[in-house]
Amino acid sequence: MGIDSILAEIDAEIARLTEARSLLASMGSLKPAPAKANASKKAAKKATKKRVLSADARKRIAEAQRKRWAAQRAKAKAK
């Protein structure tokens, strides 16, 4: 696990605990405390990380797709 993913998990846990605390605090009062729904969404969004393919992987995927297209063209010509 990288440092970024650990920090994202900690941020998500803090958001959950803050929300739980506000819910518990509002149980004793008539007026509910404002919930911080955006904080949990931000923490969840931070946790997702963009995937990056290596140049070799992109090349293999492109070659495989070209083979599929060639097979489809050959099949269409045969008909």
PDB file of N, CA and C in Angstrom:
ATOM      1  N   MET A   1       0.838  -1.180   0.000  1.00  0.00           N
ATOM      2  CA  MET A   1       0.000   0.000   0.000  1.00  0.00           C
ATOM      3  C   MET A   1       0.883   1.244   0.000  1.00  0.00           C
ATOM      4  N   GLY A   2       0.544   2.149  -0.875  1.00  0.00           N
ATOM      5  CA  GLY A   2       1.292   3.389  -0.929  1.00  0.00           C
ATOM      6  C   GLY A   2       0.805   4.379   0.116  1.00  0.00           C
ATOM      7  N   ILE A   3       1.600   5.377   0.322  1.00  0.00           N
ATOM      8  CA  ILE A   3       1.267   6.409   1.308  1.00  0.00           C
ATOM      9  C   ILE A   3      -0.034   7.110   0.924  1.00  0.00           C
ATOM     10  N   ASP A   4      -0.232   7.376  -0.381  1.00  0.00           N
ATOM     11  CA  ASP A   4      -1.451   8.056  -0.825  1.00  0.00           C
ATOM     12  C   ASP A   4      -2.698   7.258  -0.482  1.00  0.00           C
ATOM     13  N   SER A   5      -2.657   5.942  -0.678  1.00  0.00           N
ATOM     14  CA  SER A   5      -3.838   5.137  -0.382  1.00  0.00           C
ATOM     15  C   SER A   5      -4.098   5.065   1.119  1.00  0.00           C
ATOM     16  N   ILE A   6      -3.036   5.029   1.922  1.00  0.00           N
ATOM     17  CA  ILE A   6      -3.206   5.019   3.379  1.00  0.00           C
ATOM     18  C   ILE A   6      -3.825   6.327   3.835  1.00  0.00           C
ATOM     19  N   LEU A   7      -3.325   7.449   3.311  1.00  0.00           N
ATOM     20  CA  LEU A   7      -3.877   8.754   3.665  1.00  0.00           C
ATOM     21  C   LEU A   7      -5.342   8.871   3.244  1.00  0.00           C
ATOM     22  N   ALA A   8      -5.679   8.328   2.075  1.00  0.00           N
ATOM     23  CA  ALA A   8      -7.067   8.376   1.604  1.00  0.00           C
ATOM     24  C   ALA A   8      -7.970   7.568   2.526  1.00  0.00           C
ATOM     25  N   GLU A   9      -7.497   6.413   2.986  1.00  0.00           N
ATOM     26  CA  GLU A   9      -8.287   5.602   3.913  1.00  0.00           C
ATOM     27  C   GLU A   9      -8.463   6.311   5.253  1.00  0.00           C
ATOM     28  N   ILE A  10      -7.428   6.972   5.717  1.00  0.00           N
ATOM     29  CA  ILE A  10      -7.526   7.728   6.975  1.00  0.00           C
ATOM     30  C   ILE A  10      -8.533   8.863   6.825  1.00  0.00           C
ATOM     31  N   ASP A  11      -8.483   9.588   5.695  1.00  0.00           N
ATOM     32  CA  ASP A  11      -9.434  10.673   5.443  1.00  0.00           C
ATOM     33  C   ASP A  11     -10.867  10.148   5.401  1.00  0.00           C
ATOM     34  N   ALA A  12     -11.062   8.994   4.767  1.00  0.00           N
ATOM     35  CA  ALA A  12     -12.406   8.405   4.705  1.00  0.00           C
ATOM     36  C   ALA A  12     -12.890   8.024   6.094  1.00  0.00           C
ATOM     37  N   GLU A  13     -12.018   7.465   6.910  1.00  0.00           N
ATOM     38  CA  GLU A  13     -12.392   7.077   8.276  1.00  0.00           C
ATOM     39  C   GLU A  13     -12.723   8.314   9.121  1.00  0.00           C
ATOM     40  N   ILE A  14     -11.950   9.376   8.962  1.00  0.00           N
ATOM     41  CA  ILE A  14     -12.230  10.623   9.687  1.00  0.00           C
ATOM     42  C   ILE A  14     -13.607  11.153   9.293  1.00  0.00           C
ATOM     43  N   ALA A  15     -13.928  11.107   8.015  1.00  0.00           N
ATOM     44  CA  ALA A  15     -15.228  11.585   7.548  1.00  0.00           C
ATOM     45  C   ALA A  15     -16.354  10.753   8.152  1.00  0.00           C
ATOM     46  N   ARG A  16     -16.186   9.434   8.203  1.00  0.00           N
ATOM     47  CA  ARG A  16     -17.208   8.560   8.795  1.00  0.00           C
ATOM     48  C   ARG A  16     -17.371   8.850  10.281  1.00  0.00           C
ATOM     49  N   LEU A  17     -16.263   9.024  10.987  1.00  0.00           N
ATOM     50  CA  LEU A  17     -16.334   9.307  12.422  1.00  0.00           C
ATOM     51  C   LEU A  17     -16.967  10.666  12.694  1.00  0.00           C
ATOM     52  N   THR A  18     -16.651  11.654  11.876  1.00  0.00           N
ATOM     53  CA  THR A  18     -17.244  12.984  12.040  1.00  0.00           C
ATOM     54  C   THR A  18     -18.754  12.920  11.839  1.00  0.00           C
ATOM     55  N   GLU A  19     -19.182  12.174  10.824  1.00  0.00           N
ATOM     56  CA  GLU A  19     -20.607  12.033  10.566  1.00  0.00           C
ATOM     57  C   GLU A  19     -21.288  11.302  11.726  1.00  0.00           C
ATOM     58  N   ALA A  20     -20.672  10.237  12.239  1.00  0.00           N
ATOM     59  CA  ALA A  20     -21.243   9.501  13.369  1.00  0.00           C
ATOM     60  C   ALA A  20     -21.330  10.397  14.592  1.00  0.00           C
ATOM     61  N   ARG A  21     -20.323  11.217  14.829  1.00  0.00           N
ATOM     62  CA  ARG A  21     -20.335  12.122  15.984  1.00  0.00           C
ATOM     63  C   ARG A  21     -21.458  13.141  15.866  1.00  0.00           C
ATOM     64  N   SER A  22     -21.635  13.703  14.664  1.00  0.00           N
ATOM     65  CA  SER A  22     -22.696  14.691  14.493  1.00  0.00           C
ATOM     66  C   SER A  22     -24.079  14.054  14.667  1.00  0.00           C
ATOM     67  N   LEU A  23     -24.238  12.815  14.228  1.00  0.00           N
ATOM     68  CA  LEU A  23     -25.505  12.122  14.419  1.00  0.00           C
ATOM     69  C   LEU A  23     -25.775  11.878  15.902  1.00  0.00           C
ATOM     70  N   LEU A  24     -24.762  11.450  16.621  1.00  0.00           N
ATOM     71  CA  LEU A  24     -24.927  11.199  18.053  1.00  0.00           C
ATOM     72  C   LEU A  24     -25.192  12.501  18.807  1.00  0.00           C
ATOM     73  N   ALA A  25     -24.519  13.560  18.424  1.00  0.00           N
ATOM     74  CA  ALA A  25     -24.715  14.844  19.085  1.00  0.00           C
ATOM     75  C   ALA A  25     -26.117  15.377  18.822  1.00  0.00           C
ATOM     76  N   SER A  26     -26.649  15.116  17.642  1.00  0.00           N
ATOM     77  CA  SER A  26     -27.974  15.621  17.301  1.00  0.00           C
ATOM     78  C   SER A  26     -29.085  14.814  17.970  1.00  0.00           C
ATOM     79  N   MET A  27     -28.798  13.627  18.442  1.00  0.00           N
ATOM     80  CA  MET A  27     -29.819  12.813  19.104  1.00  0.00           C
ATOM     81  C   MET A  27     -30.286  13.466  20.401  1.00  0.00           C
ATOM     82  N   GLY A  28     -29.405  14.184  21.084  1.00  0.00           N
ATOM     83  CA  GLY A  28     -29.744  14.813  22.345  1.00  0.00           C
ATOM     84  C   GLY A  28     -30.472  16.126  22.172  1.00  0.00           C
ATOM     85  N   SER A  29     -30.389  16.729  21.009  1.00  0.00           N
ATOM     86  CA  SER A  29     -31.021  18.030  20.800  1.00  0.00           C
ATOM     87  C   SER A  29     -32.194  17.891  19.836  1.00  0.00           C
ATOM     88  N   LEU A  30     -33.063  18.881  19.845  1.00  0.00           N
ATOM     89  CA  LEU A  30     -34.194  18.881  18.930  1.00  0.00           C
ATOM     90  C   LEU A  30     -33.764  19.243  17.519  1.00  0.00           C
ATOM     91  N   LYS A  31     -32.753  20.077  17.421  1.00  0.00           N
ATOM     92  CA  LYS A  31     -32.265  20.533  16.136  1.00  0.00           C
ATOM     93  C   LYS A  31     -31.088  19.653  15.712  1.00  0.00           C
ATOM     94  N   PRO A  32     -31.183  18.962  14.587  1.00  0.00           N
ATOM     95  CA  PRO A  32     -30.057  18.127  14.163  1.00  0.00           C
ATOM     96  C   PRO A  32     -28.874  18.973  13.700  1.00  0.00           C
ATOM     97  N   ALA A  33     -27.709  18.498  14.021  1.00  0.00           N
ATOM     98  CA  ALA A  33     -26.496  19.188  13.587  1.00  0.00           C
ATOM     99  C   ALA A  33     -26.326  18.981  12.087  1.00  0.00           C
ATOM    100  N   PRO A  34     -25.765  19.947  11.385  1.00  0.00           N
ATOM    101  CA  PRO A  34     -25.589  19.785   9.937  1.00  0.00           C
ATOM    102  C   PRO A  34     -24.612  18.646   9.647  1.00  0.00           C
ATOM    103  N   ALA A  35     -25.028  17.748   8.792  1.00  0.00           N
ATOM    104  CA  ALA A  35     -24.181  16.606   8.418  1.00  0.00           C
ATOM    105  C   ALA A  35     -23.210  17.040   7.342  1.00  0.00           C
ATOM    106  N   LYS A  36     -22.040  16.516   7.407  1.00  0.00           N
ATOM    107  CA  LYS A  36     -21.013  16.843   6.417  1.00  0.00           C
ATOM    108  C   LYS A  36     -20.935  15.714   5.403  1.00  0.00           C
ATOM    109  N   ALA A  37     -21.925  15.627   4.540  1.00  0.00           N
ATOM    110  CA  ALA A  37     -21.974  14.581   3.522  1.00  0.00           C
ATOM    111  C   ALA A  37     -20.884  14.786   2.476  1.00  0.00           C
ATOM    112  N   ASN A  38     -20.557  16.043   2.200  1.00  0.00           N
ATOM    113  CA  ASN A  38     -19.540  16.326   1.185  1.00  0.00           C
ATOM    114  C   ASN A  38     -18.169  15.816   1.594  1.00  0.00           C
ATOM    115  N   ALA A  39     -17.875  15.810   2.880  1.00  0.00           N
ATOM    116  CA  ALA A  39     -16.568  15.350   3.343  1.00  0.00           C
ATOM    117  C   ALA A  39     -16.373  13.876   3.024  1.00  0.00           C
ATOM    118  N   SER A  40     -17.410  13.070   3.217  1.00  0.00           N
ATOM    119  CA  SER A  40     -17.274  11.644   2.929  1.00  0.00           C
ATOM    120  C   SER A  40     -17.164  11.406   1.429  1.00  0.00           C
ATOM    121  N   LYS A  41     -17.880  12.217   0.631  1.00  0.00           N
ATOM    122  CA  LYS A  41     -17.784  12.068  -0.820  1.00  0.00           C
ATOM    123  C   LYS A  41     -16.397  12.451  -1.314  1.00  0.00           C
ATOM    124  N   LYS A  42     -15.835  13.533  -0.747  1.00  0.00           N
ATOM    125  CA  LYS A  42     -14.490  13.948  -1.142  1.00  0.00           C
ATOM    126  C   LYS A  42     -13.476  12.879  -0.784  1.00  0.00           C
ATOM    127  N   ALA A  43     -13.612  12.297   0.405  1.00  0.00           N
ATOM    128  CA  ALA A  43     -12.668  11.264   0.831  1.00  0.00           C
ATOM    129  C   ALA A  43     -12.770  10.048  -0.070  1.00  0.00           C
ATOM    130  N   ALA A  44     -13.983   9.684  -0.451  1.00  0.00           N
ATOM    131  CA  ALA A  44     -14.161   8.540  -1.336  1.00  0.00           C
ATOM    132  C   ALA A  44     -13.585   8.843  -2.718  1.00  0.00           C
ATOM    133  N   LYS A  45     -13.759  10.063  -3.172  1.00  0.00           N
ATOM    134  CA  LYS A  45     -13.242  10.435  -4.486  1.00  0.00           C
ATOM    135  C   LYS A  45     -11.721  10.455  -4.480  1.00  0.00           C
ATOM    136  N   LYS A  46     -11.116  10.903  -3.391  1.00  0.00           N
ATOM    137  CA  LYS A  46      -9.665  10.920  -3.287  1.00  0.00           C
ATOM    138  C   LYS A  46      -9.089   9.515  -3.346  1.00  0.00           C
ATOM    139  N   ALA A  47      -9.815   8.548  -2.801  1.00  0.00           N
ATOM    140  CA  ALA A  47      -9.313   7.187  -2.721  1.00  0.00           C
ATOM    141  C   ALA A  47      -9.137   6.560  -4.097  1.00  0.00           C
ATOM    142  N   THR A  48      -9.983   6.952  -5.058  1.00  0.00           N
ATOM    143  CA  THR A  48      -9.851   6.381  -6.387  1.00  0.00           C
ATOM    144  C   THR A  48      -8.670   7.015  -7.094  1.00  0.00           C
ATOM    145  N   LYS A  49      -7.850   6.184  -7.668  1.00  0.00           N
ATOM    146  CA  LYS A  49      -6.646   6.657  -8.325  1.00  0.00           C
ATOM    147  C   LYS A  49      -6.695   6.241  -9.789  1.00  0.00           C
ATOM    148  N   LYS A  50      -6.286   7.114 -10.665  1.00  0.00           N
ATOM    149  CA  LYS A  50      -6.299   6.827 -12.088  1.00  0.00           C
ATOM    150  C   LYS A  50      -5.305   5.716 -12.404  1.00  0.00           C
ATOM    151  N   ARG A  51      -5.775   4.760 -13.172  1.00  0.00           N
ATOM    152  CA  ARG A  51      -4.898   3.661 -13.565  1.00  0.00           C
ATOM    153  C   ARG A  51      -4.048   4.083 -14.756  1.00  0.00           C
ATOM    154  N   VAL A  52      -2.827   3.649 -14.770  1.00  0.00           N
ATOM    155  CA  VAL A  52      -1.914   4.004 -15.849  1.00  0.00           C
ATOM    156  C   VAL A  52      -1.363   2.714 -16.443  1.00  0.00           C
ATOM    157  N   LEU A  53      -1.488   2.581 -17.752  1.00  0.00           N
ATOM    158  CA  LEU A  53      -0.942   1.415 -18.448  1.00  0.00           C
ATOM    159  C   LEU A  53       0.462   1.736 -18.945  1.00  0.00           C
ATOM    160  N   SER A  54       1.285   0.722 -18.946  1.00  0.00           N
ATOM    161  CA  SER A  54       2.621   0.917 -19.499  1.00  0.00           C
ATOM    162  C   SER A  54       2.513   0.969 -21.019  1.00  0.00           C
ATOM    163  N   ALA A  55       3.529   1.478 -21.650  1.00  0.00           N
ATOM    164  CA  ALA A  55       3.540   1.571 -23.111  1.00  0.00           C
ATOM    165  C   ALA A  55       3.445   0.180 -23.735  1.00  0.00           C
ATOM    166  N   ASP A  56       4.112  -0.796 -23.122  1.00  0.00           N
ATOM    167  CA  ASP A  56       4.078  -2.165 -23.627  1.00  0.00           C
ATOM    168  C   ASP A  56       2.665  -2.743 -23.539  1.00  0.00           C
ATOM    169  N   ALA A  57       1.989  -2.493 -22.439  1.00  0.00           N
ATOM    170  CA  ALA A  57       0.628  -2.994 -22.272  1.00  0.00           C
ATOM    171  C   ALA A  57      -0.314  -2.363 -23.298  1.00  0.00           C
ATOM    172  N   ARG A  58      -0.183  -1.039 -23.514  1.00  0.00           N
ATOM    173  CA  ARG A  58      -1.014  -0.376 -24.518  1.00  0.00           C
ATOM    174  C   ARG A  58      -0.763  -0.967 -25.904  1.00  0.00           C
ATOM    175  N   LYS A  59       0.498  -1.267 -26.202  1.00  0.00           N
ATOM    176  CA  LYS A  59       0.854  -1.838 -27.504  1.00  0.00           C
ATOM    177  C   LYS A  59       0.223  -3.219 -27.681  1.00  0.00           C
ATOM    178  N   ARG A  60       0.280  -4.048 -26.635  1.00  0.00           N
ATOM    179  CA  ARG A  60      -0.320  -5.393 -26.716  1.00  0.00           C
ATOM    180  C   ARG A  60      -1.833  -5.309 -26.888  1.00  0.00           C
ATOM    181  N   ILE A  61      -2.471  -4.392 -26.184  1.00  0.00           N
ATOM    182  CA  ILE A  61      -3.921  -4.238 -26.305  1.00  0.00           C
ATOM    183  C   ILE A  61      -4.286  -3.770 -27.708  1.00  0.00           C
ATOM    184  N   ALA A  62      -3.533  -2.817 -28.251  1.00  0.00           N
ATOM    185  CA  ALA A  62      -3.797  -2.301 -29.594  1.00  0.00           C
ATOM    186  C   ALA A  62      -3.634  -3.400 -30.637  1.00  0.00           C
ATOM    187  N   GLU A  63      -2.597  -4.208 -30.504  1.00  0.00           N
ATOM    188  CA  GLU A  63      -2.377  -5.304 -31.457  1.00  0.00           C
ATOM    189  C   GLU A  63      -3.500  -6.327 -31.388  1.00  0.00           C
ATOM    190  N   ALA A  64      -3.944  -6.650 -30.197  1.00  0.00           N
ATOM    191  CA  ALA A  64      -5.033  -7.611 -30.031  1.00  0.00           C
ATOM    192  C   ALA A  64      -6.318  -7.063 -30.657  1.00  0.00           C
ATOM    193  N   GLN A  65      -6.579  -5.764 -30.482  1.00  0.00           N
ATOM    194  CA  GLN A  65      -7.783  -5.162 -31.070  1.00  0.00           C
ATOM    195  C   GLN A  65      -7.696  -5.167 -32.587  1.00  0.00           C
ATOM    196  N   ARG A  66      -6.521  -4.876 -33.130  1.00  0.00           N
ATOM    197  CA  ARG A  66      -6.360  -4.910 -34.591  1.00  0.00           C
ATOM    198  C   ARG A  66      -6.611  -6.310 -35.133  1.00  0.00           C
ATOM    199  N   LYS A  67      -6.188  -7.335 -34.400  1.00  0.00           N
ATOM    200  CA  LYS A  67      -6.447  -8.721 -34.821  1.00  0.00           C
ATOM    201  C   LYS A  67      -7.939  -9.012 -34.814  1.00  0.00           C
ATOM    202  N   ARG A  68      -8.645  -8.508 -33.788  1.00  0.00           N
ATOM    203  CA  ARG A  68     -10.101  -8.721 -33.737  1.00  0.00           C
ATOM    204  C   ARG A  68     -10.786  -8.031 -34.911  1.00  0.00           C
ATOM    205  N   TRP A  69     -10.356  -6.794 -35.217  1.00  0.00           N
ATOM    206  CA  TRP A  69     -10.947  -6.079 -36.343  1.00  0.00           C
ATOM    207  C   TRP A  69     -10.679  -6.814 -37.659  1.00  0.00           C
ATOM    208  N   ALA A  70      -9.455  -7.328 -37.815  1.00  0.00           N
ATOM    209  CA  ALA A  70      -9.110  -8.066 -39.033  1.00  0.00           C
ATOM    210  C   ALA A  70      -9.971  -9.316 -39.163  1.00  0.00           C
ATOM    211  N   ALA A  71     -10.209 -10.000 -38.053  1.00  0.00           N
ATOM    212  CA  ALA A  71     -11.047 -11.195 -38.080  1.00  0.00           C
ATOM    213  C   ALA A  71     -12.479 -10.828 -38.465  1.00  0.00           C
ATOM    214  N   GLN A  72     -12.988  -9.726 -37.975  1.00  0.00           N
ATOM    215  CA  GLN A  72     -14.344  -9.280 -38.320  1.00  0.00           C
ATOM    216  C   GLN A  72     -14.433  -8.919 -39.806  1.00  0.00           C
ATOM    217  N   ARG A  73     -13.395  -8.234 -40.331  1.00  0.00           N
ATOM    218  CA  ARG A  73     -13.396  -7.883 -41.759  1.00  0.00           C
ATOM    219  C   ARG A  73     -13.346  -9.130 -42.624  1.00  0.00           C
ATOM    220  N   ALA A  74     -12.526 -10.100 -42.229  1.00  0.00           N
ATOM    221  CA  ALA A  74     -12.413 -11.346 -42.992  1.00  0.00           C
ATOM    222  C   ALA A  74     -13.752 -12.096 -42.965  1.00  0.00           C
ATOM    223  N   LYS A  75     -14.401 -12.093 -41.860  1.00  0.00           N
ATOM    224  CA  LYS A  75     -15.685 -12.768 -41.718  1.00  0.00           C
ATOM    225  C   LYS A  75     -16.744 -12.087 -42.597  1.00  0.00           C
ATOM    226  N   ALA A  76     -16.698 -10.758 -42.636  1.00  0.00           N
ATOM    227  CA  ALA A  76     -17.655  -9.994 -43.445  1.00  0.00           C
ATOM    228  C   ALA A  76     -17.425 -10.239 -44.939  1.00  0.00           C
ATOM    229  N   LYS A  77     -16.163 -10.331 -45.343  1.00  0.00           N
ATOM    230  CA  LYS A  77     -15.857 -10.585 -46.760  1.00  0.00           C
ATOM    231  C   LYS A  77     -16.261 -11.973 -47.177  1.00  0.00           C
ATOM    232  N   ALA A  78     -16.174 -12.941 -46.265  1.00  0.00           N
ATOM    233  CA  ALA A  78     -16.513 -14.326 -46.576  1.00  0.00           C
ATOM    234  C   ALA A  78     -18.011 -14.476 -46.856  1.00  0.00           C
ATOM    235  N   LYS A  79     -18.811 -13.616 -46.284  1.00  0.00           N
ATOM    236  CA  LYS A  79     -20.265 -13.709 -46.471  1.00  0.00           C
ATOM    237  C   LYS A  79     -20.684 -13.177 -47.756  1.00  0.00           C
TER     238      LYS A  79
END
